[in-house]
Amino acid sequence: MQWTYLLSLLAVIGCLLLVDYRYKLAFFYDWHRAAITLTVGVIIFSIWDAIGIKLGIFFSGQSSYMSGIYLGPEYPPEELLFLFLLCFCSLLIARKVSA
């Protein structure tokens, strides 16, 4: 149960990759642009998180579903995957709407 959230995030990202493959929206349309877009998005949200953590606004809740690993103070790897998922989902929606 300890890795449930992390594995769930990976499973959902995998499903989104299948949607991307089917409709050729992001990585399977132009992998270079998609990688840059997602990297920039994740960096911006990570900076936002770092500021929120520093100000004491954001904190990591304790749950038996989380991995228990931290990349920094109050910053588990699940947060990084969630930010990627958020940006990837937004990118797929934006690409589908504009297509």
N, C-alpha and C. Protein backbone atom coordinates (compact mmCIF):
# COMPACT_ATOMS: atom_id res chain seq x y z
N MET A 1 0.81 -1.20 0.00
CA MET A 1 0.00 0.00 0.00
C MET A 1 0.85 1.26 0.00
N GLN A 2 2.10 1.13 0.38
CA GLN A 2 2.95 2.31 0.52
C GLN A 2 3.18 3.03 -0.81
N TRP A 3 3.22 2.34 -1.90
CA TRP A 3 3.54 2.94 -3.19
C TRP A 3 2.30 3.17 -4.05
N THR A 4 1.11 3.07 -3.50
CA THR A 4 -0.14 3.12 -4.26
C THR A 4 -0.29 4.42 -5.05
N TYR A 5 -0.05 5.55 -4.42
CA TYR A 5 -0.25 6.84 -5.09
C TYR A 5 0.75 7.00 -6.24
N LEU A 6 2.00 6.66 -6.01
CA LEU A 6 3.03 6.78 -7.03
C LEU A 6 2.70 5.88 -8.22
N LEU A 7 2.33 4.64 -7.94
CA LEU A 7 2.00 3.71 -9.01
C LEU A 7 0.73 4.13 -9.75
N SER A 8 -0.21 4.71 -9.05
CA SER A 8 -1.44 5.21 -9.69
C SER A 8 -1.12 6.35 -10.65
N LEU A 9 -0.26 7.25 -10.21
CA LEU A 9 0.14 8.36 -11.08
C LEU A 9 0.84 7.83 -12.33
N LEU A 10 1.72 6.86 -12.17
CA LEU A 10 2.41 6.27 -13.32
C LEU A 10 1.42 5.57 -14.26
N ALA A 11 0.42 4.90 -13.70
CA ALA A 11 -0.59 4.24 -14.53
C ALA A 11 -1.41 5.25 -15.32
N VAL A 12 -1.80 6.34 -14.69
CA VAL A 12 -2.59 7.37 -15.38
C VAL A 12 -1.75 8.04 -16.47
N ILE A 13 -0.49 8.30 -16.19
CA ILE A 13 0.40 8.88 -17.21
C ILE A 13 0.53 7.90 -18.38
N GLY A 14 0.65 6.61 -18.08
CA GLY A 14 0.70 5.60 -19.13
C GLY A 14 -0.56 5.61 -19.99
N CYS A 15 -1.71 5.75 -19.35
CA CYS A 15 -2.98 5.82 -20.09
C CYS A 15 -3.03 7.07 -20.97
N LEU A 16 -2.53 8.18 -20.46
CA LEU A 16 -2.50 9.40 -21.26
C LEU A 16 -1.55 9.25 -22.45
N LEU A 17 -0.47 8.50 -22.27
CA LEU A 17 0.42 8.23 -23.39
C LEU A 17 -0.29 7.41 -24.46
N LEU A 18 -1.16 6.49 -24.04
CA LEU A 18 -1.95 5.74 -25.01
C LEU A 18 -2.91 6.64 -25.78
N VAL A 19 -3.52 7.58 -25.08
CA VAL A 19 -4.41 8.55 -25.74
C VAL A 19 -3.59 9.39 -26.71
N ASP A 20 -2.42 9.81 -26.27
CA ASP A 20 -1.52 10.59 -27.14
C ASP A 20 -1.15 9.79 -28.37
N TYR A 21 -0.83 8.52 -28.20
CA TYR A 21 -0.48 7.66 -29.33
C TYR A 21 -1.65 7.53 -30.31
N ARG A 22 -2.83 7.35 -29.76
CA ARG A 22 -4.02 7.15 -30.60
C ARG A 22 -4.35 8.38 -31.44
N TYR A 23 -4.28 9.57 -30.82
CA TYR A 23 -4.69 10.80 -31.50
C TYR A 23 -3.52 11.68 -31.96
N LYS A 24 -2.29 11.26 -31.69
CA LYS A 24 -1.08 11.99 -32.11
C LYS A 24 -1.15 13.47 -31.71
N LEU A 25 -1.29 13.70 -30.40
CA LEU A 25 -1.50 15.06 -29.90
C LEU A 25 -0.24 15.75 -29.38
N ALA A 26 0.64 15.03 -28.74
CA ALA A 26 1.79 15.69 -28.10
C ALA A 26 3.09 14.98 -28.50
N PHE A 27 3.50 13.99 -27.71
CA PHE A 27 4.77 13.31 -27.98
C PHE A 27 4.76 12.59 -29.32
N PHE A 28 3.65 12.05 -29.72
CA PHE A 28 3.58 11.32 -30.97
C PHE A 28 3.25 12.23 -32.14
N TYR A 29 3.12 13.52 -31.89
CA TYR A 29 2.95 14.53 -32.93
C TYR A 29 4.28 15.24 -33.14
N ASP A 30 4.84 15.78 -32.07
CA ASP A 30 6.13 16.46 -32.11
C ASP A 30 6.77 16.32 -30.73
N TRP A 31 7.55 15.27 -30.54
CA TRP A 31 8.09 14.92 -29.22
C TRP A 31 8.98 16.03 -28.66
N HIS A 32 9.70 16.72 -29.52
CA HIS A 32 10.62 17.76 -29.06
C HIS A 32 9.85 18.93 -28.43
N ARG A 33 8.84 19.40 -29.12
CA ARG A 33 8.01 20.49 -28.58
C ARG A 33 7.27 20.08 -27.32
N ALA A 34 6.75 18.87 -27.31
CA ALA A 34 6.03 18.38 -26.13
C ALA A 34 6.96 18.29 -24.93
N ALA A 35 8.16 17.81 -25.14
CA ALA A 35 9.12 17.69 -24.04
C ALA A 35 9.49 19.06 -23.48
N ILE A 36 9.71 20.02 -24.36
CA ILE A 36 10.04 21.38 -23.91
C ILE A 36 8.87 21.98 -23.15
N THR A 37 7.68 21.86 -23.70
CA THR A 37 6.48 22.42 -23.07
C THR A 37 6.26 21.83 -21.68
N LEU A 38 6.35 20.51 -21.57
CA LEU A 38 6.12 19.87 -20.27
C LEU A 38 7.23 20.19 -19.28
N THR A 39 8.46 20.27 -19.74
CA THR A 39 9.57 20.61 -18.86
C THR A 39 9.40 22.01 -18.29
N VAL A 40 9.05 22.96 -19.15
CA VAL A 40 8.84 24.33 -18.69
C VAL A 40 7.68 24.39 -17.70
N GLY A 41 6.59 23.70 -18.00
CA GLY A 41 5.43 23.69 -17.10
C GLY A 41 5.76 23.11 -15.74
N VAL A 42 6.45 21.97 -15.74
CA VAL A 42 6.81 21.32 -14.47
C VAL A 42 7.78 22.20 -13.68
N ILE A 43 8.72 22.84 -14.35
CA ILE A 43 9.67 23.73 -13.65
C ILE A 43 8.93 24.91 -13.01
N ILE A 44 8.02 25.51 -13.75
CA ILE A 44 7.26 26.66 -13.21
C ILE A 44 6.45 26.23 -11.99
N PHE A 45 5.74 25.11 -12.09
CA PHE A 45 4.95 24.66 -10.95
C PHE A 45 5.83 24.19 -9.79
N SER A 46 7.01 23.66 -10.09
CA SER A 46 7.94 23.27 -9.02
C SER A 46 8.46 24.49 -8.26
N ILE A 47 8.71 25.56 -9.00
CA ILE A 47 9.12 26.82 -8.35
C ILE A 47 7.98 27.33 -7.48
N TRP A 48 6.77 27.28 -8.01
CA TRP A 48 5.59 27.67 -7.24
C TRP A 48 5.50 26.85 -5.96
N ASP A 49 5.68 25.54 -6.07
CA ASP A 49 5.66 24.66 -4.90
C ASP A 49 6.75 25.03 -3.91
N ALA A 50 7.95 25.29 -4.42
CA ALA A 50 9.08 25.63 -3.54
C ALA A 50 8.79 26.91 -2.75
N ILE A 51 8.19 27.88 -3.41
CA ILE A 51 7.83 29.13 -2.73
C ILE A 51 6.76 28.85 -1.68
N GLY A 52 5.75 28.07 -2.05
CA GLY A 52 4.69 27.72 -1.10
C GLY A 52 5.22 26.95 0.09
N ILE A 53 6.16 26.05 -0.13
CA ILE A 53 6.76 25.29 0.96
C ILE A 53 7.57 26.21 1.86
N LYS A 54 8.34 27.09 1.25
CA LYS A 54 9.18 28.04 2.02
C LYS A 54 8.31 28.96 2.88
N LEU A 55 7.16 29.36 2.36
CA LEU A 55 6.26 30.24 3.10
C LEU A 55 5.38 29.49 4.10
N GLY A 56 5.47 28.17 4.09
CA GLY A 56 4.68 27.37 5.02
C GLY A 56 3.24 27.16 4.59
N ILE A 57 2.96 27.47 3.33
CA ILE A 57 1.60 27.30 2.80
C ILE A 57 1.36 25.86 2.37
N PHE A 58 2.36 25.27 1.71
CA PHE A 58 2.25 23.89 1.21
C PHE A 58 3.02 22.97 2.15
N PHE A 59 2.48 21.80 2.34
CA PHE A 59 3.19 20.78 3.11
C PHE A 59 2.71 19.41 2.64
N SER A 60 3.52 18.43 2.88
CA SER A 60 3.20 17.06 2.47
C SER A 60 2.44 16.37 3.59
N GLY A 61 1.25 15.91 3.27
CA GLY A 61 0.48 15.16 4.25
C GLY A 61 1.05 13.77 4.43
N GLN A 62 0.86 13.22 5.57
CA GLN A 62 1.33 11.86 5.84
C GLN A 62 0.22 10.87 5.47
N SER A 63 0.56 9.91 4.64
CA SER A 63 -0.41 8.92 4.21
C SER A 63 0.30 7.59 4.00
N SER A 64 -0.40 6.52 4.28
CA SER A 64 0.19 5.20 4.07
C SER A 64 0.26 4.86 2.58
N TYR A 65 -0.37 5.67 1.73
CA TYR A 65 -0.36 5.43 0.29
C TYR A 65 0.84 6.06 -0.41
N MET A 66 1.53 6.96 0.26
CA MET A 66 2.68 7.64 -0.33
C MET A 66 3.95 6.83 -0.12
N SER A 67 4.96 7.12 -0.92
CA SER A 67 6.20 6.34 -0.89
C SER A 67 7.02 6.58 0.37
N GLY A 68 6.93 7.75 0.97
CA GLY A 68 7.75 8.07 2.13
C GLY A 68 9.11 8.64 1.76
N ILE A 69 9.37 8.75 0.47
CA ILE A 69 10.62 9.33 -0.03
C ILE A 69 10.39 10.82 -0.27
N TYR A 70 11.41 11.63 -0.04
CA TYR A 70 11.30 13.06 -0.27
C TYR A 70 12.47 13.54 -1.11
N LEU A 71 12.19 14.34 -2.13
CA LEU A 71 13.21 14.94 -2.97
C LEU A 71 13.77 16.20 -2.35
N GLY A 72 13.01 16.78 -1.45
CA GLY A 72 13.37 17.98 -0.72
C GLY A 72 12.42 18.10 0.44
N PRO A 73 12.56 19.15 1.24
CA PRO A 73 11.64 19.30 2.36
C PRO A 73 10.19 19.40 1.87
N GLU A 74 9.34 18.53 2.36
CA GLU A 74 7.91 18.53 2.02
C GLU A 74 7.65 18.34 0.52
N TYR A 75 8.59 17.70 -0.20
CA TYR A 75 8.45 17.54 -1.66
C TYR A 75 8.69 16.08 -2.06
N PRO A 76 7.63 15.26 -2.03
CA PRO A 76 7.77 13.85 -2.42
C PRO A 76 7.81 13.69 -3.95
N PRO A 77 8.32 12.59 -4.45
CA PRO A 77 8.34 12.37 -5.90
C PRO A 77 6.93 12.32 -6.50
N GLU A 78 5.96 11.98 -5.68
CA GLU A 78 4.57 11.98 -6.17
C GLU A 78 4.15 13.37 -6.63
N GLU A 79 4.65 14.40 -5.98
CA GLU A 79 4.31 15.77 -6.37
C GLU A 79 4.86 16.08 -7.75
N LEU A 80 6.06 15.65 -8.01
CA LEU A 80 6.67 15.87 -9.32
C LEU A 80 5.88 15.15 -10.41
N LEU A 81 5.49 13.92 -10.14
CA LEU A 81 4.67 13.17 -11.11
C LEU A 81 3.30 13.80 -11.28
N PHE A 82 2.72 14.30 -10.19
CA PHE A 82 1.43 14.97 -10.30
C PHE A 82 1.54 16.23 -11.17
N LEU A 83 2.60 17.00 -10.99
CA LEU A 83 2.79 18.19 -11.82
C LEU A 83 2.95 17.82 -13.28
N PHE A 84 3.69 16.74 -13.55
CA PHE A 84 3.82 16.26 -14.92
C PHE A 84 2.46 15.86 -15.48
N LEU A 85 1.69 15.13 -14.67
CA LEU A 85 0.36 14.69 -15.08
C LEU A 85 -0.54 15.90 -15.38
N LEU A 86 -0.50 16.88 -14.53
CA LEU A 86 -1.30 18.10 -14.71
C LEU A 86 -0.94 18.80 -16.02
N CYS A 87 0.34 18.98 -16.26
CA CYS A 87 0.79 19.65 -17.48
C CYS A 87 0.50 18.81 -18.72
N PHE A 88 0.71 17.50 -18.63
CA PHE A 88 0.47 16.62 -19.77
C PHE A 88 -1.00 16.59 -20.14
N CYS A 89 -1.85 16.50 -19.15
CA CYS A 89 -3.30 16.50 -19.38
C CYS A 89 -3.72 17.82 -20.03
N SER A 90 -3.20 18.92 -19.53
CA SER A 90 -3.52 20.24 -20.09
C SER A 90 -3.04 20.35 -21.54
N LEU A 91 -1.86 19.83 -21.81
CA LEU A 91 -1.32 19.87 -23.17
C LEU A 91 -2.19 19.05 -24.12
N LEU A 92 -2.59 17.86 -23.69
CA LEU A 92 -3.43 17.02 -24.55
C LEU A 92 -4.78 17.68 -24.83
N ILE A 93 -5.37 18.28 -23.81
CA ILE A 93 -6.66 18.96 -24.00
C ILE A 93 -6.51 20.15 -24.94
N ALA A 94 -5.47 20.95 -24.73
CA ALA A 94 -5.25 22.12 -25.58
C ALA A 94 -5.02 21.71 -27.03
N ARG A 95 -4.26 20.67 -27.24
CA ARG A 95 -3.99 20.20 -28.60
C ARG A 95 -5.25 19.64 -29.27
N LYS A 96 -6.06 18.91 -28.50
CA LYS A 96 -7.28 18.34 -29.07
C LYS A 96 -8.29 19.42 -29.41
N VAL A 97 -8.41 20.43 -28.55
CA VAL A 97 -9.36 21.51 -28.79
C VAL A 97 -8.94 22.33 -30.02
N SER A 98 -7.63 22.54 -30.18
CA SER A 98 -7.16 23.36 -31.30
C SER A 98 -7.07 22.58 -32.60
N ALA A 99 -7.19 21.25 -32.54
CA ALA A 99 -7.06 20.44 -33.77
C ALA A 99 -8.32 20.47 -34.61
